[in-house]
Amino acid sequence: MSEVDELLMAVHRLSGGAPTTPGELADHLARLKGVAAQWSEVLLEVSEICRTLGGAHTATAAEIAYRRAEESFVELEIAHSSATGSFRRRGPGAGVDAL
């Protein structure tokens, strides 16, 4: 199975129900963060290939896609840290409204 196929399976697993507790939200964000990291790695490889096989426009577009994937990962990392901090402060019995 290719790295992209594994990534697609991970994305598919994420589509199962929405989180309903702060703990579930933190877990969901952690999984999203992992998928974002993998996607970023795939795009980095593609951008490196584009530099040697594609033209200047192809390489630039692939590099921008990689940078955006990295930014997405960083934002999910911030969201996860925030959700984890909220979960710890309020405890596992706190409802979503407590956030």
Protein backbone atom coordinates (compact mmCIF):
# COMPACT_ATOMS: atom_id res chain seq x y z
CA MET A 1 0.00 0.00 0.00
CA SER A 2 1.35 3.42 -0.93
CA GLU A 3 1.81 6.29 1.49
CA VAL A 4 -1.04 8.16 -0.20
CA ASP A 5 -3.36 5.14 0.14
CA GLU A 6 -2.56 4.93 3.86
CA LEU A 7 -3.26 8.64 4.17
CA LEU A 8 -6.62 8.27 2.42
CA MET A 9 -7.56 5.46 4.80
CA ALA A 10 -6.65 7.65 7.79
CA VAL A 11 -8.82 10.46 6.42
CA HIS A 12 -11.68 8.03 5.89
CA ARG A 13 -11.42 6.87 9.52
CA LEU A 14 -11.72 10.51 10.63
CA SER A 15 -15.10 10.86 8.99
CA GLY A 16 -16.79 8.69 11.63
CA GLY A 17 -18.95 10.81 14.09
CA ALA A 18 -18.20 14.24 15.36
CA PRO A 19 -16.59 14.59 18.81
CA THR A 20 -19.08 15.20 21.63
CA THR A 21 -16.78 15.68 24.62
CA PRO A 22 -13.60 17.69 25.18
CA GLY A 23 -11.61 14.45 25.38
CA GLU A 24 -13.00 13.20 22.09
CA LEU A 25 -12.24 16.59 20.54
CA ALA A 26 -8.63 16.42 21.72
CA ASP A 27 -8.30 12.88 20.32
CA HIS A 28 -9.88 13.92 17.02
CA LEU A 29 -7.55 16.91 16.69
CA ALA A 30 -4.56 14.67 17.45
CA ARG A 31 -5.58 12.33 14.62
CA LEU A 32 -6.15 15.29 12.28
CA LYS A 33 -2.74 16.64 13.21
CA GLY A 34 -1.17 13.29 12.31
CA VAL A 35 -2.91 13.21 8.95
CA ALA A 36 -1.84 16.80 8.27
CA ALA A 37 1.78 15.89 9.06
CA GLN A 38 1.66 12.94 6.66
CA TRP A 39 0.07 15.07 3.93
CA SER A 40 2.78 17.67 4.39
CA GLU A 41 5.46 15.00 3.98
CA VAL A 42 3.82 13.74 0.77
CA LEU A 43 3.70 17.28 -0.63
CA LEU A 44 7.33 17.88 0.31
CA GLU A 45 8.34 14.82 -1.72
CA VAL A 46 6.19 15.97 -4.64
CA SER A 47 7.65 19.48 -4.53
CA GLU A 48 11.18 18.05 -4.61
CA ILE A 49 10.29 15.95 -7.65
CA CYS A 50 8.68 18.95 -9.33
CA ARG A 51 11.92 20.92 -8.98
CA THR A 52 13.76 18.42 -11.15
CA LEU A 53 11.02 17.16 -13.48
CA GLY A 54 8.56 20.05 -13.77
CA GLY A 55 8.89 23.57 -14.99
CA ALA A 56 9.21 26.64 -12.82
CA HIS A 57 5.44 27.09 -12.47
CA THR A 58 4.95 23.47 -11.45
CA ALA A 59 7.70 23.65 -8.86
CA THR A 60 6.38 26.92 -7.44
CA ALA A 61 2.81 25.63 -7.18
CA ALA A 62 3.95 22.43 -5.47
CA GLU A 63 6.10 24.43 -3.03
CA ILE A 64 3.14 26.65 -2.15
CA ALA A 65 0.95 23.58 -1.58
CA TYR A 66 3.62 22.17 0.73
CA ARG A 67 3.87 25.43 2.69
CA ARG A 68 0.11 25.58 3.12
CA ALA A 69 0.06 22.00 4.36
CA GLU A 70 2.76 22.91 6.91
CA GLU A 71 0.71 25.92 8.02
CA SER A 72 -2.34 23.69 8.40
CA PHE A 73 -0.36 21.27 10.55
CA VAL A 74 0.86 24.11 12.78
CA GLU A 75 -2.69 25.46 13.22
CA LEU A 76 -3.96 21.99 14.12
CA GLU A 77 -1.09 21.63 16.58
CA ILE A 78 -2.20 24.90 18.23
CA ALA A 79 -5.84 23.76 18.26
CA HIS A 80 -4.86 20.42 19.77
CA SER A 81 -2.72 22.05 22.46
CA SER A 82 -5.54 24.42 23.30
CA ALA A 83 -8.13 21.64 23.43
CA THR A 84 -5.87 19.48 25.56
CA GLY A 85 -5.25 22.34 27.97
CA SER A 86 -8.98 23.03 28.22
CA PHE A 87 -9.70 19.35 28.79
CA ARG A 88 -7.17 19.14 31.61
CA ARG A 89 -8.37 22.30 33.35
CA ARG A 90 -12.04 21.35 33.25
CA GLY A 91 -11.68 17.61 33.70
CA PRO A 92 -13.18 14.72 31.75
CA GLY A 93 -16.75 15.33 32.96
CA ALA A 94 -17.00 18.84 31.54
CA GLY A 95 -19.33 19.33 28.62
CA VAL A 96 -18.49 20.84 25.25
CA ASP A 97 -20.24 24.06 26.32
CA ALA A 98 -17.62 24.49 29.03
CA LEU A 99 -15.00 25.25 26.38
